[in-house]
Amino acid sequence: MSITARPISPSKLLEACPQGIDIYYENVGGKVFDEVLPLLNTSARVPVCGLVSGYNATALPTARIACRC
């Protein structure tokens, strides 16, 4: 998946990962992560290398998701 590619389709992600996601290497953040998050399995691992989508932000991000703890 590429941040410069077509918009991410939740149905395509679900089609590619019908049993959910166990590990997701995060270096984009933003909309990409928002679409992946609901597909993470319990105890999934998410190593974070960077959040490139927010590098040029002029304000702090607001919470867009609720935690499934």
PDB file of N, CA and C in Angstrom:
ATOM      1  N   MET A   1       0.839  -1.162   0.000  1.00  0.00           N
ATOM      2  CA  MET A   1       0.000   0.000   0.000  1.00  0.00           C
ATOM      3  C   MET A   1       0.890   1.233   0.000  1.00  0.00           C
ATOM      4  N   SER A   2       0.489   2.236  -0.704  1.00  0.00           N
ATOM      5  CA  SER A   2       1.275   3.457  -0.799  1.00  0.00           C
ATOM      6  C   SER A   2       0.400   4.665  -0.486  1.00  0.00           C
ATOM      7  N   ILE A   3       0.962   5.614   0.236  1.00  0.00           N
ATOM      8  CA  ILE A   3       0.206   6.830   0.561  1.00  0.00           C
ATOM      9  C   ILE A   3      -0.111   7.634  -0.701  1.00  0.00           C
ATOM     10  N   THR A   4       0.662   7.429  -1.767  1.00  0.00           N
ATOM     11  CA  THR A   4       0.421   8.157  -3.008  1.00  0.00           C
ATOM     12  C   THR A   4      -0.497   7.405  -3.965  1.00  0.00           C
ATOM     13  N   ALA A   5      -0.910   6.212  -3.591  1.00  0.00           N
ATOM     14  CA  ALA A   5      -1.797   5.408  -4.438  1.00  0.00           C
ATOM     15  C   ALA A   5      -3.234   5.903  -4.321  1.00  0.00           C
ATOM     16  N   ARG A   6      -4.131   5.219  -5.031  1.00  0.00           N
ATOM     17  CA  ARG A   6      -5.561   5.552  -4.940  1.00  0.00           C
ATOM     18  C   ARG A   6      -6.019   5.477  -3.487  1.00  0.00           C
ATOM     19  N   PRO A   7      -7.136   6.116  -3.162  1.00  0.00           N
ATOM     20  CA  PRO A   7      -7.646   6.047  -1.791  1.00  0.00           C
ATOM     21  C   PRO A   7      -7.821   4.595  -1.337  1.00  0.00           C
ATOM     22  N   ILE A   8      -7.589   4.376  -0.056  1.00  0.00           N
ATOM     23  CA  ILE A   8      -7.703   3.037   0.507  1.00  0.00           C
ATOM     24  C   ILE A   8      -9.166   2.673   0.653  1.00  0.00           C
ATOM     25  N   SER A   9      -9.498   1.497   0.185  1.00  0.00           N
ATOM     26  CA  SER A   9     -10.868   1.016   0.278  1.00  0.00           C
ATOM     27  C   SER A   9     -10.970   0.024   1.430  1.00  0.00           C
ATOM     28  N   PRO A  10     -11.797   0.307   2.440  1.00  0.00           N
ATOM     29  CA  PRO A  10     -11.960  -0.646   3.538  1.00  0.00           C
ATOM     30  C   PRO A  10     -12.357  -2.034   3.049  1.00  0.00           C
ATOM     31  N   SER A  11     -13.179  -2.109   2.010  1.00  0.00           N
ATOM     32  CA  SER A  11     -13.593  -3.424   1.512  1.00  0.00           C
ATOM     33  C   SER A  11     -12.419  -4.172   0.894  1.00  0.00           C
ATOM     34  N   LYS A  12     -11.495  -3.472   0.243  1.00  0.00           N
ATOM     35  CA  LYS A  12     -10.305  -4.115  -0.329  1.00  0.00           C
ATOM     36  C   LYS A  12      -9.374  -4.603   0.778  1.00  0.00           C
ATOM     37  N   LEU A  13      -9.242  -3.824   1.851  1.00  0.00           N
ATOM     38  CA  LEU A  13      -8.435  -4.268   2.984  1.00  0.00           C
ATOM     39  C   LEU A  13      -9.041  -5.514   3.608  1.00  0.00           C
ATOM     40  N   LEU A  14     -10.343  -5.518   3.791  1.00  0.00           N
ATOM     41  CA  LEU A  14     -11.017  -6.673   4.369  1.00  0.00           C
ATOM     42  C   LEU A  14     -10.889  -7.886   3.457  1.00  0.00           C
ATOM     43  N   GLU A  15     -10.959  -7.659   2.151  1.00  0.00           N
ATOM     44  CA  GLU A  15     -10.796  -8.746   1.180  1.00  0.00           C
ATOM     45  C   GLU A  15      -9.379  -9.328   1.260  1.00  0.00           C
ATOM     46  N   ALA A  16      -8.379  -8.468   1.436  1.00  0.00           N
ATOM     47  CA  ALA A  16      -6.992  -8.913   1.522  1.00  0.00           C
ATOM     48  C   ALA A  16      -6.676  -9.563   2.868  1.00  0.00           C
ATOM     49  N   CYS A  17      -7.404  -9.181   3.915  1.00  0.00           N
ATOM     50  CA  CYS A  17      -7.148  -9.678   5.276  1.00  0.00           C
ATOM     51  C   CYS A  17      -8.451 -10.136   5.921  1.00  0.00           C
ATOM     52  N   PRO A  18      -9.094 -11.180   5.380  1.00  0.00           N
ATOM     53  CA  PRO A  18     -10.407 -11.571   5.894  1.00  0.00           C
ATOM     54  C   PRO A  18     -10.404 -12.034   7.355  1.00  0.00           C
ATOM     55  N   GLN A  19      -9.237 -12.463   7.856  1.00  0.00           N
ATOM     56  CA  GLN A  19      -9.166 -12.910   9.249  1.00  0.00           C
ATOM     57  C   GLN A  19      -8.523 -11.862  10.146  1.00  0.00           C
ATOM     58  N   GLY A  20      -8.404 -10.654   9.639  1.00  0.00           N
ATOM     59  CA  GLY A  20      -7.826  -9.574  10.426  1.00  0.00           C
ATOM     60  C   GLY A  20      -6.323  -9.460  10.223  1.00  0.00           C
ATOM     61  N   ILE A  21      -5.724  -8.529  10.951  1.00  0.00           N
ATOM     62  CA  ILE A  21      -4.299  -8.227  10.822  1.00  0.00           C
ATOM     63  C   ILE A  21      -3.614  -8.491  12.154  1.00  0.00           C
ATOM     64  N   ASP A  22      -2.517  -9.265  12.111  1.00  0.00           N
ATOM     65  CA  ASP A  22      -1.761  -9.581  13.321  1.00  0.00           C
ATOM     66  C   ASP A  22      -0.580  -8.639  13.537  1.00  0.00           C
ATOM     67  N   ILE A  23       0.000  -8.152  12.444  1.00  0.00           N
ATOM     68  CA  ILE A  23       1.107  -7.206  12.557  1.00  0.00           C
ATOM     69  C   ILE A  23       1.007  -6.187  11.431  1.00  0.00           C
ATOM     70  N   TYR A  24       1.201  -4.920  11.779  1.00  0.00           N
ATOM     71  CA  TYR A  24       1.108  -3.833  10.804  1.00  0.00           C
ATOM     72  C   TYR A  24       2.257  -2.872  11.059  1.00  0.00           C
ATOM     73  N   TYR A  25       3.159  -2.733  10.107  1.00  0.00           N
ATOM     74  CA  TYR A  25       4.298  -1.818  10.210  1.00  0.00           C
ATOM     75  C   TYR A  25       3.819  -0.417   9.840  1.00  0.00           C
ATOM     76  N   GLU A  26       3.835   0.486  10.793  1.00  0.00           N
ATOM     77  CA  GLU A  26       3.261   1.825  10.598  1.00  0.00           C
ATOM     78  C   GLU A  26       4.340   2.861  10.334  1.00  0.00           C
ATOM     79  N   ASN A  27       4.269   3.499   9.166  1.00  0.00           N
ATOM     80  CA  ASN A  27       5.145   4.633   8.912  1.00  0.00           C
ATOM     81  C   ASN A  27       4.429   5.744   8.151  1.00  0.00           C
ATOM     82  N   VAL A  28       3.106   5.644   8.040  1.00  0.00           N
ATOM     83  CA  VAL A  28       2.323   6.645   7.320  1.00  0.00           C
ATOM     84  C   VAL A  28       1.399   7.404   8.264  1.00  0.00           C
ATOM     85  N   GLY A  29       0.567   6.687   9.010  1.00  0.00           N
ATOM     86  CA  GLY A  29      -0.391   7.328   9.903  1.00  0.00           C
ATOM     87  C   GLY A  29      -1.578   7.891   9.143  1.00  0.00           C
ATOM     88  N   GLY A  30      -2.333   8.747   9.776  1.00  0.00           N
ATOM     89  CA  GLY A  30      -3.467   9.407   9.128  1.00  0.00           C
ATOM     90  C   GLY A  30      -4.529   8.451   8.639  1.00  0.00           C
ATOM     91  N   LYS A  31      -5.034   8.695   7.430  1.00  0.00           N
ATOM     92  CA  LYS A  31      -6.145   7.919   6.878  1.00  0.00           C
ATOM     93  C   LYS A  31      -5.792   6.447   6.693  1.00  0.00           C
ATOM     94  N   VAL A  32      -4.531   6.166   6.345  1.00  0.00           N
ATOM     95  CA  VAL A  32      -4.116   4.770   6.162  1.00  0.00           C
ATOM     96  C   VAL A  32      -4.293   4.011   7.475  1.00  0.00           C
ATOM     97  N   PHE A  33      -3.747   4.555   8.551  1.00  0.00           N
ATOM     98  CA  PHE A  33      -3.867   3.889   9.850  1.00  0.00           C
ATOM     99  C   PHE A  33      -5.323   3.801  10.294  1.00  0.00           C
ATOM    100  N   ASP A  34      -6.107   4.840  10.035  1.00  0.00           N
ATOM    101  CA  ASP A  34      -7.525   4.830  10.403  1.00  0.00           C
ATOM    102  C   ASP A  34      -8.264   3.662   9.752  1.00  0.00           C
ATOM    103  N   GLU A  35      -7.900   3.310   8.525  1.00  0.00           N
ATOM    104  CA  GLU A  35      -8.561   2.207   7.822  1.00  0.00           C
ATOM    105  C   GLU A  35      -8.059   0.847   8.295  1.00  0.00           C
ATOM    106  N   VAL A  36      -6.806   0.775   8.717  1.00  0.00           N
ATOM    107  CA  VAL A  36      -6.226  -0.488   9.185  1.00  0.00           C
ATOM    108  C   VAL A  36      -6.690  -0.809  10.607  1.00  0.00           C
ATOM    109  N   LEU A  37      -6.815   0.191  11.447  1.00  0.00           N
ATOM    110  CA  LEU A  37      -7.106  -0.005  12.869  1.00  0.00           C
ATOM    111  C   LEU A  37      -8.276  -0.941  13.158  1.00  0.00           C
ATOM    112  N   PRO A  38      -9.432  -0.801  12.513  1.00  0.00           N
ATOM    113  CA  PRO A  38     -10.544  -1.702  12.838  1.00  0.00           C
ATOM    114  C   PRO A  38     -10.277  -3.167  12.473  1.00  0.00           C
ATOM    115  N   LEU A  39      -9.277  -3.407  11.630  1.00  0.00           N
ATOM    116  CA  LEU A  39      -8.971  -4.772  11.211  1.00  0.00           C
ATOM    117  C   LEU A  39      -7.918  -5.443  12.083  1.00  0.00           C
ATOM    118  N   LEU A  40      -7.332  -4.706  13.035  1.00  0.00           N
ATOM    119  CA  LEU A  40      -6.317  -5.299  13.903  1.00  0.00           C
ATOM    120  C   LEU A  40      -6.951  -6.336  14.820  1.00  0.00           C
ATOM    121  N   ASN A  41      -6.324  -7.504  14.881  1.00  0.00           N
ATOM    122  CA  ASN A  41      -6.784  -8.557  15.779  1.00  0.00           C
ATOM    123  C   ASN A  41      -6.375  -8.227  17.210  1.00  0.00           C
ATOM    124  N   THR A  42      -7.017  -8.856  18.172  1.00  0.00           N
ATOM    125  CA  THR A  42      -6.623  -8.725  19.568  1.00  0.00           C
ATOM    126  C   THR A  42      -5.168  -9.156  19.690  1.00  0.00           C
ATOM    127  N   SER A  43      -4.367  -8.411  20.410  1.00  0.00           N
ATOM    128  CA  SER A  43      -2.931  -8.651  20.605  1.00  0.00           C
ATOM    129  C   SER A  43      -2.107  -8.422  19.342  1.00  0.00           C
ATOM    130  N   ALA A  44      -2.649  -7.698  18.373  1.00  0.00           N
ATOM    131  CA  ALA A  44      -1.875  -7.366  17.170  1.00  0.00           C
ATOM    132  C   ALA A  44      -0.690  -6.486  17.569  1.00  0.00           C
ATOM    133  N   ARG A  45       0.364  -6.562  16.781  1.00  0.00           N
ATOM    134  CA  ARG A  45       1.550  -5.756  17.026  1.00  0.00           C
ATOM    135  C   ARG A  45       1.644  -4.667  15.957  1.00  0.00           C
ATOM    136  N   VAL A  46       1.993  -3.445  16.391  1.00  0.00           N
ATOM    137  CA  VAL A  46       2.096  -2.321  15.462  1.00  0.00           C
ATOM    138  C   VAL A  46       3.404  -1.574  15.739  1.00  0.00           C
ATOM    139  N   PRO A  47       4.512  -2.013  15.125  1.00  0.00           N
ATOM    140  CA  PRO A  47       5.744  -1.237  15.268  1.00  0.00           C
ATOM    141  C   PRO A  47       5.590   0.083  14.507  1.00  0.00           C
ATOM    142  N   VAL A  48       5.933   1.187  15.157  1.00  0.00           N
ATOM    143  CA  VAL A  48       5.765   2.508  14.543  1.00  0.00           C
ATOM    144  C   VAL A  48       7.142   3.079  14.210  1.00  0.00           C
ATOM    145  N   CYS A  49       7.351   3.369  12.937  1.00  0.00           N
ATOM    146  CA  CYS A  49       8.609   3.938  12.456  1.00  0.00           C
ATOM    147  C   CYS A  49       8.473   5.439  12.244  1.00  0.00           C
ATOM    148  N   GLY A  50       7.292   5.895  11.940  1.00  0.00           N
ATOM    149  CA  GLY A  50       7.058   7.312  11.683  1.00  0.00           C
ATOM    150  C   GLY A  50       5.601   7.525  11.329  1.00  0.00           C
ATOM    151  N   LEU A  51       5.216   8.763  11.263  1.00  0.00           N
ATOM    152  CA  LEU A  51       3.840   9.104  10.898  1.00  0.00           C
ATOM    153  C   LEU A  51       3.901  10.222   9.864  1.00  0.00           C
ATOM    154  N   VAL A  52       4.373   9.867   8.683  1.00  0.00           N
ATOM    155  CA  VAL A  52       4.655  10.833   7.631  1.00  0.00           C
ATOM    156  C   VAL A  52       3.457  11.713   7.282  1.00  0.00           C
ATOM    157  N   SER A  53       2.256  11.223   7.454  1.00  0.00           N
ATOM    158  CA  SER A  53       1.081  12.024   7.092  1.00  0.00           C
ATOM    159  C   SER A  53       0.955  13.280   7.947  1.00  0.00           C
ATOM    160  N   GLY A  54       1.610  13.301   9.102  1.00  0.00           N
ATOM    161  CA  GLY A  54       1.506  14.460   9.977  1.00  0.00           C
ATOM    162  C   GLY A  54       2.758  15.320  10.033  1.00  0.00           C
ATOM    163  N   TYR A  55       3.760  15.028   9.211  1.00  0.00           N
ATOM    164  CA  TYR A  55       5.024  15.760   9.282  1.00  0.00           C
ATOM    165  C   TYR A  55       4.882  17.255   9.026  1.00  0.00           C
ATOM    166  N   ASN A  56       3.973  17.645   8.175  1.00  0.00           N
ATOM    167  CA  ASN A  56       3.813  19.064   7.859  1.00  0.00           C
ATOM    168  C   ASN A  56       2.609  19.694   8.552  1.00  0.00           C
ATOM    169  N   ALA A  57       2.077  19.023   9.549  1.00  0.00           N
ATOM    170  CA  ALA A  57       0.902  19.540  10.257  1.00  0.00           C
ATOM    171  C   ALA A  57       1.252  20.834  10.994  1.00  0.00           C
ATOM    172  N   THR A  58       0.298  21.720  11.071  1.00  0.00           N
ATOM    173  CA  THR A  58       0.503  22.981  11.785  1.00  0.00           C
ATOM    174  C   THR A  58      -0.194  22.990  13.144  1.00  0.00           C
ATOM    175  N   ALA A  59      -0.957  21.926  13.428  1.00  0.00           N
ATOM    176  CA  ALA A  59      -1.647  21.813  14.715  1.00  0.00           C
ATOM    177  C   ALA A  59      -1.590  20.363  15.179  1.00  0.00           C
ATOM    178  N   LEU A  60      -1.786  20.161  16.462  1.00  0.00           N
ATOM    179  CA  LEU A  60      -1.819  18.803  16.997  1.00  0.00           C
ATOM    180  C   LEU A  60      -3.057  18.076  16.479  1.00  0.00           C
ATOM    181  N   PRO A  61      -2.945  16.768  16.236  1.00  0.00           N
ATOM    182  CA  PRO A  61      -4.107  16.023  15.753  1.00  0.00           C
ATOM    183  C   PRO A  61      -5.153  15.866  16.851  1.00  0.00           C
ATOM    184  N   THR A  62      -6.397  15.711  16.450  1.00  0.00           N
ATOM    185  CA  THR A  62      -7.470  15.427  17.398  1.00  0.00           C
ATOM    186  C   THR A  62      -7.749  13.936  17.365  1.00  0.00           C
ATOM    187  N   ALA A  63      -8.256  13.408  18.441  1.00  0.00           N
ATOM    188  CA  ALA A  63      -8.579  11.980  18.503  1.00  0.00           C
ATOM    189  C   ALA A  63      -9.715  11.683  17.539  1.00  0.00           C
ATOM    190  N   ARG A  64      -9.514  10.666  16.695  1.00  0.00           N
ATOM    191  CA  ARG A  64     -10.538  10.286  15.723  1.00  0.00           C
ATOM    192  C   ARG A  64     -11.084   8.898  15.994  1.00  0.00           C
ATOM    193  N   ILE A  65     -10.472   8.187  16.930  1.00  0.00           N
ATOM    194  CA  ILE A  65     -10.843   6.795  17.157  1.00  0.00           C
ATOM    195  C   ILE A  65     -11.017   6.538  18.647  1.00  0.00           C
ATOM    196  N   ALA A  66     -11.725   5.503  18.948  1.00  0.00           N
ATOM    197  CA  ALA A  66     -11.880   5.069  20.334  1.00  0.00           C
ATOM    198  C   ALA A  66     -11.025   3.825  20.551  1.00  0.00           C
ATOM    199  N   CYS A  67     -10.459   3.701  21.709  1.00  0.00           N
ATOM    200  CA  CYS A  67      -9.600   2.562  22.035  1.00  0.00           C
ATOM    201  C   CYS A  67     -10.436   1.330  22.350  1.00  0.00           C
ATOM    202  N   ARG A  68     -10.013   0.178  21.823  1.00  0.00           N
ATOM    203  CA  ARG A  68     -10.638  -1.107  22.158  1.00  0.00           C
ATOM    204  C   ARG A  68      -9.739  -1.811  23.153  1.00  0.00           C
ATOM    205  N   CYS A  69      -9.704  -1.378  24.360  1.00  0.00           N
ATOM    206  CA  CYS A  69      -8.778  -1.943  25.345  1.00  0.00           C
ATOM    207  C   CYS A  69      -9.403  -3.084  26.106  1.00  0.00           C
TER     208      CYS A  69
END
